[in-house]
Amino acid sequence: MNLDRTESGINTECKAGAIVGAFGFLYAAQPQDKTKTDAGYPPGIGIKNSLITLGVINFVGMLFTFLVPEPKGKSLEELSGENEVGK
């Protein structure tokens, strides 16, 4: 397994997620009242609700982190079974 390609793919996915999150927050944080939104933006859910939503998403992400098993000193190749001959 080429670790450089794996890291590059993960890095690209993280950057894409950050871009989507930043622009999504910009739209979601707009006030619910249509007269108070910034020019060019539709009404959103408000800053308070968007921050609560982000907090819940981050908490769920933290919980999922604990579901990933510990590799116990094994390499990525050993865990994936990539080096096994005949499979």
PDB file of N, CA and C in Angstrom:
ATOM      1  N   MET A   1       0.845  -1.173   0.000  1.00  0.00           N
ATOM      2  CA  MET A   1       0.000   0.000   0.000  1.00  0.00           C
ATOM      3  C   MET A   1       0.889   1.234   0.000  1.00  0.00           C
ATOM      4  N   ASN A   2       0.583   2.157  -0.850  1.00  0.00           N
ATOM      5  CA  ASN A   2       1.363   3.374  -0.927  1.00  0.00           C
ATOM      6  C   ASN A   2       0.796   4.379   0.068  1.00  0.00           C
ATOM      7  N   LEU A   3       1.535   4.578   1.143  1.00  0.00           N
ATOM      8  CA  LEU A   3       1.055   5.435   2.231  1.00  0.00           C
ATOM      9  C   LEU A   3       0.932   6.888   1.800  1.00  0.00           C
ATOM     10  N   ASP A   4       1.827   7.324   0.885  1.00  0.00           N
ATOM     11  CA  ASP A   4       1.752   8.713   0.422  1.00  0.00           C
ATOM     12  C   ASP A   4       0.432   9.003  -0.274  1.00  0.00           C
ATOM     13  N   ARG A   5      -0.033   8.061  -1.105  1.00  0.00           N
ATOM     14  CA  ARG A   5      -1.313   8.268  -1.789  1.00  0.00           C
ATOM     15  C   ARG A   5      -2.473   8.266  -0.801  1.00  0.00           C
ATOM     16  N   THR A   6      -2.403   7.408   0.194  1.00  0.00           N
ATOM     17  CA  THR A   6      -3.473   7.340   1.191  1.00  0.00           C
ATOM     18  C   THR A   6      -3.555   8.647   1.968  1.00  0.00           C
ATOM     19  N   GLU A   7      -2.410   9.143   2.407  1.00  0.00           N
ATOM     20  CA  GLU A   7      -2.392  10.391   3.162  1.00  0.00           C
ATOM     21  C   GLU A   7      -2.864  11.561   2.305  1.00  0.00           C
ATOM     22  N   SER A   8      -2.475  11.555   1.049  1.00  0.00           N
ATOM     23  CA  SER A   8      -2.888  12.628   0.146  1.00  0.00           C
ATOM     24  C   SER A   8      -4.398  12.613  -0.056  1.00  0.00           C
ATOM     25  N   GLY A   9      -4.981  11.433  -0.188  1.00  0.00           N
ATOM     26  CA  GLY A   9      -6.430  11.322  -0.350  1.00  0.00           C
ATOM     27  C   GLY A   9      -7.178  11.782   0.884  1.00  0.00           C
ATOM     28  N   ILE A  10      -6.677  11.391   2.050  1.00  0.00           N
ATOM     29  CA  ILE A  10      -7.314  11.805   3.302  1.00  0.00           C
ATOM     30  C   ILE A  10      -7.204  13.315   3.469  1.00  0.00           C
ATOM     31  N   ASN A  11      -6.040  13.870   3.134  1.00  0.00           N
ATOM     32  CA  ASN A  11      -5.824  15.312   3.243  1.00  0.00           C
ATOM     33  C   ASN A  11      -6.788  16.066   2.328  1.00  0.00           C
ATOM     34  N   THR A  12      -6.971  15.577   1.107  1.00  0.00           N
ATOM     35  CA  THR A  12      -7.880  16.225   0.163  1.00  0.00           C
ATOM     36  C   THR A  12      -9.314  16.178   0.668  1.00  0.00           C
ATOM     37  N   GLU A  13      -9.727  15.039   1.227  1.00  0.00           N
ATOM     38  CA  GLU A  13     -11.088  14.913   1.765  1.00  0.00           C
ATOM     39  C   GLU A  13     -11.294  15.875   2.930  1.00  0.00           C
ATOM     40  N   CYS A  14     -10.294  16.034   3.772  1.00  0.00           N
ATOM     41  CA  CYS A  14     -10.418  16.952   4.910  1.00  0.00           C
ATOM     42  C   CYS A  14     -10.543  18.396   4.446  1.00  0.00           C
ATOM     43  N   LYS A  15      -9.756  18.761   3.431  1.00  0.00           N
ATOM     44  CA  LYS A  15      -9.840  20.131   2.915  1.00  0.00           C
ATOM     45  C   LYS A  15     -11.204  20.377   2.274  1.00  0.00           C
ATOM     46  N   ALA A  16     -11.699  19.399   1.540  1.00  0.00           N
ATOM     47  CA  ALA A  16     -13.023  19.554   0.921  1.00  0.00           C
ATOM     48  C   ALA A  16     -14.096  19.686   1.997  1.00  0.00           C
ATOM     49  N   GLY A  17     -13.990  18.903   3.047  1.00  0.00           N
ATOM     50  CA  GLY A  17     -14.944  18.994   4.150  1.00  0.00           C
ATOM     51  C   GLY A  17     -14.896  20.343   4.847  1.00  0.00           C
ATOM     52  N   ALA A  18     -13.693  20.902   4.983  1.00  0.00           N
ATOM     53  CA  ALA A  18     -13.557  22.215   5.609  1.00  0.00           C
ATOM     54  C   ALA A  18     -14.190  23.302   4.747  1.00  0.00           C
ATOM     55  N   ILE A  19     -14.024  23.196   3.442  1.00  0.00           N
ATOM     56  CA  ILE A  19     -14.615  24.185   2.538  1.00  0.00           C
ATOM     57  C   ILE A  19     -16.132  24.108   2.587  1.00  0.00           C
ATOM     58  N   VAL A  20     -16.664  22.886   2.520  1.00  0.00           N
ATOM     59  CA  VAL A  20     -18.122  22.709   2.583  1.00  0.00           C
ATOM     60  C   VAL A  20     -18.655  23.204   3.927  1.00  0.00           C
ATOM     61  N   GLY A  21     -17.946  22.899   4.997  1.00  0.00           N
ATOM     62  CA  GLY A  21     -18.375  23.344   6.324  1.00  0.00           C
ATOM     63  C   GLY A  21     -18.366  24.856   6.472  1.00  0.00           C
ATOM     64  N   ALA A  22     -17.339  25.494   5.924  1.00  0.00           N
ATOM     65  CA  ALA A  22     -17.238  26.953   6.034  1.00  0.00           C
ATOM     66  C   ALA A  22     -18.366  27.641   5.271  1.00  0.00           C
ATOM     67  N   PHE A  23     -18.596  27.212   4.040  1.00  0.00           N
ATOM     68  CA  PHE A  23     -19.658  27.839   3.263  1.00  0.00           C
ATOM     69  C   PHE A  23     -21.042  27.447   3.791  1.00  0.00           C
ATOM     70  N   GLY A  24     -21.170  26.207   4.248  1.00  0.00           N
ATOM     71  CA  GLY A  24     -22.445  25.773   4.821  1.00  0.00           C
ATOM     72  C   GLY A  24     -22.790  26.560   6.069  1.00  0.00           C
ATOM     73  N   PHE A  25     -21.774  26.816   6.914  1.00  0.00           N
ATOM     74  CA  PHE A  25     -22.008  27.611   8.119  1.00  0.00           C
ATOM     75  C   PHE A  25     -22.405  29.029   7.756  1.00  0.00           C
ATOM     76  N   LEU A  26     -21.791  29.582   6.716  1.00  0.00           N
ATOM     77  CA  LEU A  26     -22.118  30.942   6.277  1.00  0.00           C
ATOM     78  C   LEU A  26     -23.595  31.057   5.899  1.00  0.00           C
ATOM     79  N   TYR A  27     -24.102  30.051   5.195  1.00  0.00           N
ATOM     80  CA  TYR A  27     -25.516  30.067   4.815  1.00  0.00           C
ATOM     81  C   TYR A  27     -26.415  29.758   6.009  1.00  0.00           C
ATOM     82  N   ALA A  28     -26.030  28.782   6.819  1.00  0.00           N
ATOM     83  CA  ALA A  28     -26.877  28.379   7.944  1.00  0.00           C
ATOM     84  C   ALA A  28     -26.963  29.460   9.017  1.00  0.00           C
ATOM     85  N   ALA A  29     -25.902  30.239   9.194  1.00  0.00           N
ATOM     86  CA  ALA A  29     -25.864  31.237  10.260  1.00  0.00           C
ATOM     87  C   ALA A  29     -26.674  32.492   9.942  1.00  0.00           C
ATOM     88  N   GLN A  30     -27.228  32.588   8.761  1.00  0.00           N
ATOM     89  CA  GLN A  30     -28.056  33.751   8.419  1.00  0.00           C
ATOM     90  C   GLN A  30     -29.307  33.746   9.298  1.00  0.00           C
ATOM     91  N   PRO A  31     -29.775  34.927   9.669  1.00  0.00           N
ATOM     92  CA  PRO A  31     -30.979  35.002  10.506  1.00  0.00           C
ATOM     93  C   PRO A  31     -32.197  34.384   9.812  1.00  0.00           C
ATOM     94  N   GLN A  32     -33.141  33.939  10.620  1.00  0.00           N
ATOM     95  CA  GLN A  32     -34.363  33.344  10.081  1.00  0.00           C
ATOM     96  C   GLN A  32     -35.269  34.395   9.456  1.00  0.00           C
ATOM     97  N   ASP A  33     -35.165  35.608   9.951  1.00  0.00           N
ATOM     98  CA  ASP A  33     -35.964  36.713   9.423  1.00  0.00           C
ATOM     99  C   ASP A  33     -35.376  37.156   8.082  1.00  0.00           C
ATOM    100  N   LYS A  34     -36.161  37.069   7.028  1.00  0.00           N
ATOM    101  CA  LYS A  34     -35.686  37.361   5.673  1.00  0.00           C
ATOM    102  C   LYS A  34     -35.209  38.816   5.526  1.00  0.00           C
ATOM    103  N   THR A  35     -35.753  39.721   6.310  1.00  0.00           N
ATOM    104  CA  THR A  35     -35.360  41.128   6.190  1.00  0.00           C
ATOM    105  C   THR A  35     -33.993  41.406   6.822  1.00  0.00           C
ATOM    106  N   LYS A  36     -33.495  40.502   7.668  1.00  0.00           N
ATOM    107  CA  LYS A  36     -32.225  40.718   8.362  1.00  0.00           C
ATOM    108  C   LYS A  36     -31.057  39.940   7.754  1.00  0.00           C
ATOM    109  N   THR A  37     -31.295  39.168   6.700  1.00  0.00           N
ATOM    110  CA  THR A  37     -30.213  38.396   6.090  1.00  0.00           C
ATOM    111  C   THR A  37     -29.296  39.303   5.287  1.00  0.00           C
ATOM    112  N   ASP A  38     -28.050  38.873   5.120  1.00  0.00           N
ATOM    113  CA  ASP A  38     -27.108  39.614   4.282  1.00  0.00           C
ATOM    114  C   ASP A  38     -27.547  39.528   2.832  1.00  0.00           C
ATOM    115  N   ALA A  39     -27.164  40.510   2.041  1.00  0.00           N
ATOM    116  CA  ALA A  39     -27.561  40.560   0.631  1.00  0.00           C
ATOM    117  C   ALA A  39     -27.062  39.325  -0.112  1.00  0.00           C
ATOM    118  N   GLY A  40     -27.959  38.690  -0.829  1.00  0.00           N
ATOM    119  CA  GLY A  40     -27.600  37.529  -1.635  1.00  0.00           C
ATOM    120  C   GLY A  40     -27.710  36.197  -0.922  1.00  0.00           C
ATOM    121  N   TYR A  41     -28.073  36.183   0.344  1.00  0.00           N
ATOM    122  CA  TYR A  41     -28.178  34.939   1.095  1.00  0.00           C
ATOM    123  C   TYR A  41     -29.637  34.646   1.447  1.00  0.00           C
ATOM    124  N   PRO A  42     -30.032  33.385   1.389  1.00  0.00           N
ATOM    125  CA  PRO A  42     -31.380  33.030   1.827  1.00  0.00           C
ATOM    126  C   PRO A  42     -31.431  32.992   3.362  1.00  0.00           C
ATOM    127  N   PRO A  43     -32.615  33.022   3.937  1.00  0.00           N
ATOM    128  CA  PRO A  43     -32.711  32.903   5.397  1.00  0.00           C
ATOM    129  C   PRO A  43     -32.135  31.575   5.873  1.00  0.00           C
ATOM    130  N   GLY A  44     -31.481  31.611   7.009  1.00  0.00           N
ATOM    131  CA  GLY A  44     -30.880  30.400   7.569  1.00  0.00           C
ATOM    132  C   GLY A  44     -31.556  29.995   8.865  1.00  0.00           C
ATOM    133  N   ILE A  45     -30.804  29.287   9.706  1.00  0.00           N
ATOM    134  CA  ILE A  45     -31.360  28.828  10.987  1.00  0.00           C
ATOM    135  C   ILE A  45     -30.872  29.693  12.144  1.00  0.00           C
ATOM    136  N   GLY A  46     -30.017  30.673  11.869  1.00  0.00           N
ATOM    137  CA  GLY A  46     -29.511  31.563  12.907  1.00  0.00           C
ATOM    138  C   GLY A  46     -28.190  31.077  13.477  1.00  0.00           C
ATOM    139  N   ILE A  47     -27.472  31.993  14.082  1.00  0.00           N
ATOM    140  CA  ILE A  47     -26.146  31.665  14.613  1.00  0.00           C
ATOM    141  C   ILE A  47     -26.242  30.671  15.766  1.00  0.00           C
ATOM    142  N   LYS A  48     -27.165  30.898  16.692  1.00  0.00           N
ATOM    143  CA  LYS A  48     -27.288  30.009  17.851  1.00  0.00           C
ATOM    144  C   LYS A  48     -27.575  28.577  17.412  1.00  0.00           C
ATOM    145  N   ASN A  49     -28.551  28.396  16.533  1.00  0.00           N
ATOM    146  CA  ASN A  49     -28.912  27.047  16.093  1.00  0.00           C
ATOM    147  C   ASN A  49     -27.804  26.406  15.260  1.00  0.00           C
ATOM    148  N   SER A  50     -27.108  27.209  14.455  1.00  0.00           N
ATOM    149  CA  SER A  50     -26.032  26.629  13.650  1.00  0.00           C
ATOM    150  C   SER A  50     -24.849  26.218  14.535  1.00  0.00           C
ATOM    151  N   LEU A  51     -24.552  26.969  15.585  1.00  0.00           N
ATOM    152  CA  LEU A  51     -23.486  26.577  16.511  1.00  0.00           C
ATOM    153  C   LEU A  51     -23.862  25.335  17.306  1.00  0.00           C
ATOM    154  N   ILE A  52     -25.119  25.231  17.696  1.00  0.00           N
ATOM    155  CA  ILE A  52     -25.576  24.017  18.387  1.00  0.00           C
ATOM    156  C   ILE A  52     -25.451  22.811  17.455  1.00  0.00           C
ATOM    157  N   THR A  53     -25.836  22.986  16.190  1.00  0.00           N
ATOM    158  CA  THR A  53     -25.723  21.905  15.210  1.00  0.00           C
ATOM    159  C   THR A  53     -24.264  21.489  15.033  1.00  0.00           C
ATOM    160  N   LEU A  54     -23.356  22.452  14.893  1.00  0.00           N
ATOM    161  CA  LEU A  54     -21.939  22.130  14.761  1.00  0.00           C
ATOM    162  C   LEU A  54     -21.408  21.414  15.994  1.00  0.00           C
ATOM    163  N   GLY A  55     -21.836  21.843  17.170  1.00  0.00           N
ATOM    164  CA  GLY A  55     -21.411  21.190  18.408  1.00  0.00           C
ATOM    165  C   GLY A  55     -21.865  19.743  18.476  1.00  0.00           C
ATOM    166  N   VAL A  56     -23.103  19.490  18.072  1.00  0.00           N
ATOM    167  CA  VAL A  56     -23.628  18.116  18.073  1.00  0.00           C
ATOM    168  C   VAL A  56     -22.860  17.252  17.073  1.00  0.00           C
ATOM    169  N   ILE A  57     -22.594  17.794  15.890  1.00  0.00           N
ATOM    170  CA  ILE A  57     -21.841  17.050  14.882  1.00  0.00           C
ATOM    171  C   ILE A  57     -20.428  16.738  15.381  1.00  0.00           C
ATOM    172  N   ASN A  58     -19.777  17.702  16.020  1.00  0.00           N
ATOM    173  CA  ASN A  58     -18.445  17.465  16.568  1.00  0.00           C
ATOM    174  C   ASN A  58     -18.469  16.431  17.683  1.00  0.00           C
ATOM    175  N   PHE A  59     -19.482  16.459  18.525  1.00  0.00           N
ATOM    176  CA  PHE A  59     -19.596  15.476  19.607  1.00  0.00           C
ATOM    177  C   PHE A  59     -19.794  14.073  19.048  1.00  0.00           C
ATOM    178  N   VAL A  60     -20.643  13.946  18.037  1.00  0.00           N
ATOM    179  CA  VAL A  60     -20.855  12.636  17.404  1.00  0.00           C
ATOM    180  C   VAL A  60     -19.551  12.149  16.759  1.00  0.00           C
ATOM    181  N   GLY A  61     -18.815  13.049  16.133  1.00  0.00           N
ATOM    182  CA  GLY A  61     -17.522  12.683  15.564  1.00  0.00           C
ATOM    183  C   GLY A  61     -16.550  12.199  16.622  1.00  0.00           C
ATOM    184  N   MET A  62     -16.565  12.839  17.778  1.00  0.00           N
ATOM    185  CA  MET A  62     -15.707  12.403  18.872  1.00  0.00           C
ATOM    186  C   MET A  62     -16.099  11.010  19.356  1.00  0.00           C
ATOM    187  N   LEU A  63     -17.402  10.736  19.425  1.00  0.00           N
ATOM    188  CA  LEU A  63     -17.852   9.402  19.832  1.00  0.00           C
ATOM    189  C   LEU A  63     -17.411   8.340  18.831  1.00  0.00           C
ATOM    190  N   PHE A  64     -17.499   8.652  17.530  1.00  0.00           N
ATOM    191  CA  PHE A  64     -17.065   7.705  16.510  1.00  0.00           C
ATOM    192  C   PHE A  64     -15.560   7.436  16.597  1.00  0.00           C
ATOM    193  N   THR A  65     -14.796   8.418  17.085  1.00  0.00           N
ATOM    194  CA  THR A  65     -13.363   8.219  17.250  1.00  0.00           C
ATOM    195  C   THR A  65     -13.085   7.080  18.214  1.00  0.00           C
ATOM    196  N   PHE A  66     -13.911   6.944  19.235  1.00  0.00           N
ATOM    197  CA  PHE A  66     -13.714   5.874  20.209  1.00  0.00           C
ATOM    198  C   PHE A  66     -14.136   4.510  19.673  1.00  0.00           C
ATOM    199  N   LEU A  67     -14.854   4.465  18.566  1.00  0.00           N
ATOM    200  CA  LEU A  67     -15.271   3.195  17.986  1.00  0.00           C
ATOM    201  C   LEU A  67     -14.200   2.573  17.085  1.00  0.00           C
ATOM    202  N   VAL A  68     -13.187   3.362  16.714  1.00  0.00           N
ATOM    203  CA  VAL A  68     -12.108   2.848  15.865  1.00  0.00           C
ATOM    204  C   VAL A  68     -11.195   1.990  16.731  1.00  0.00           C
ATOM    205  N   PRO A  69     -10.956   0.745  16.333  1.00  0.00           N
ATOM    206  CA  PRO A  69     -10.142  -0.132  17.173  1.00  0.00           C
ATOM    207  C   PRO A  69      -8.671   0.290  17.215  1.00  0.00           C
ATOM    208  N   GLU A  70      -8.031   0.025  18.320  1.00  0.00           N
ATOM    209  CA  GLU A  70      -6.613   0.324  18.490  1.00  0.00           C
ATOM    210  C   GLU A  70      -5.793  -0.675  17.681  1.00  0.00           C
ATOM    211  N   PRO A  71      -4.813  -0.218  16.889  1.00  0.00           N
ATOM    212  CA  PRO A  71      -4.051  -1.143  16.052  1.00  0.00           C
ATOM    213  C   PRO A  71      -3.076  -2.015  16.829  1.00  0.00           C
ATOM    214  N   LYS A  72      -2.781  -1.714  18.079  1.00  0.00           N
ATOM    215  CA  LYS A  72      -1.921  -2.514  18.952  1.00  0.00           C
ATOM    216  C   LYS A  72      -0.556  -2.797  18.329  1.00  0.00           C
ATOM    217  N   GLY A  73       0.063  -1.757  17.781  1.00  0.00           N
ATOM    218  CA  GLY A  73       1.411  -1.886  17.253  1.00  0.00           C
ATOM    219  C   GLY A  73       1.515  -2.500  15.871  1.00  0.00           C
ATOM    220  N   LYS A  74       0.408  -2.802  15.228  1.00  0.00           N
ATOM    221  CA  LYS A  74       0.433  -3.379  13.887  1.00  0.00           C
ATOM    222  C   LYS A  74       0.510  -2.272  12.843  1.00  0.00           C
ATOM    223  N   SER A  75       1.144  -2.590  11.728  1.00  0.00           N
ATOM    224  CA  SER A  75       1.231  -1.619  10.642  1.00  0.00           C
ATOM    225  C   SER A  75      -0.069  -1.630   9.840  1.00  0.00           C
ATOM    226  N   LEU A  76      -0.231  -0.640   8.988  1.00  0.00           N
ATOM    227  CA  LEU A  76      -1.411  -0.544   8.143  1.00  0.00           C
ATOM    228  C   LEU A  76      -1.504  -1.733   7.194  1.00  0.00           C
ATOM    229  N   GLU A  77      -0.354  -2.194   6.689  1.00  0.00           N
ATOM    230  CA  GLU A  77      -0.334  -3.349   5.795  1.00  0.00           C
ATOM    231  C   GLU A  77      -0.781  -4.621   6.512  1.00  0.00           C
ATOM    232  N   GLU A  78      -0.356  -4.797   7.776  1.00  0.00           N
ATOM    233  CA  GLU A  78      -0.765  -5.972   8.549  1.00  0.00           C
ATOM    234  C   GLU A  78      -2.267  -5.958   8.826  1.00  0.00           C
ATOM    235  N   LEU A  79      -2.801  -4.793   9.136  1.00  0.00           N
ATOM    236  CA  LEU A  79      -4.228  -4.687   9.429  1.00  0.00           C
ATOM    237  C   LEU A  79      -5.088  -4.948   8.196  1.00  0.00           C
ATOM    238  N   SER A  80      -4.636  -4.492   7.042  1.00  0.00           N
ATOM    239  CA  SER A  80      -5.435  -4.663   5.817  1.00  0.00           C
ATOM    240  C   SER A  80      -5.230  -6.036   5.190  1.00  0.00           C
ATOM    241  N   GLY A  81      -4.191  -6.777   5.620  1.00  0.00           N
ATOM    242  CA  GLY A  81      -3.930  -8.079   5.035  1.00  0.00           C
ATOM    243  C   GLY A  81      -3.314  -7.975   3.657  1.00  0.00           C
ATOM    244  N   GLU A  82      -2.745  -6.857   3.330  1.00  0.00           N
ATOM    245  CA  GLU A  82      -2.205  -6.603   1.991  1.00  0.00           C
ATOM    246  C   GLU A  82      -0.987  -7.455   1.676  1.00  0.00           C
ATOM    247  N   ASN A  83      -0.191  -7.767   2.689  1.00  0.00           N
ATOM    248  CA  ASN A  83       1.049  -8.502   2.459  1.00  0.00           C
ATOM    249  C   ASN A  83       0.859 -10.025   2.426  1.00  0.00           C
ATOM    250  N   GLU A  84      -0.348 -10.504   2.658  1.00  0.00           N
ATOM    251  CA  GLU A  84      -0.593 -11.941   2.653  1.00  0.00           C
ATOM    252  C   GLU A  84      -0.474 -12.495   1.240  1.00  0.00           C
ATOM    253  N   VAL A  85       0.262 -13.589   1.111  1.00  0.00           N
ATOM    254  CA  VAL A  85       0.492 -14.201  -0.196  1.00  0.00           C
ATOM    255  C   VAL A  85      -0.649 -15.146  -0.526  1.00  0.00           C
ATOM    256  N   GLY A  86      -1.125 -15.118  -1.783  1.00  0.00           N
ATOM    257  CA  GLY A  86      -2.132 -16.050  -2.232  1.00  0.00           C
ATOM    258  C   GLY A  86      -3.570 -15.638  -1.998  1.00  0.00           C
ATOM    259  N   LYS A  87      -3.802 -14.423  -1.591  1.00  0.00           N
ATOM    260  CA  LYS A  87      -5.180 -14.002  -1.349  1.00  0.00           C
ATOM    261  C   LYS A  87      -5.580 -12.933  -2.291  1.00  0.00           C
TER     262      LYS A  87
END
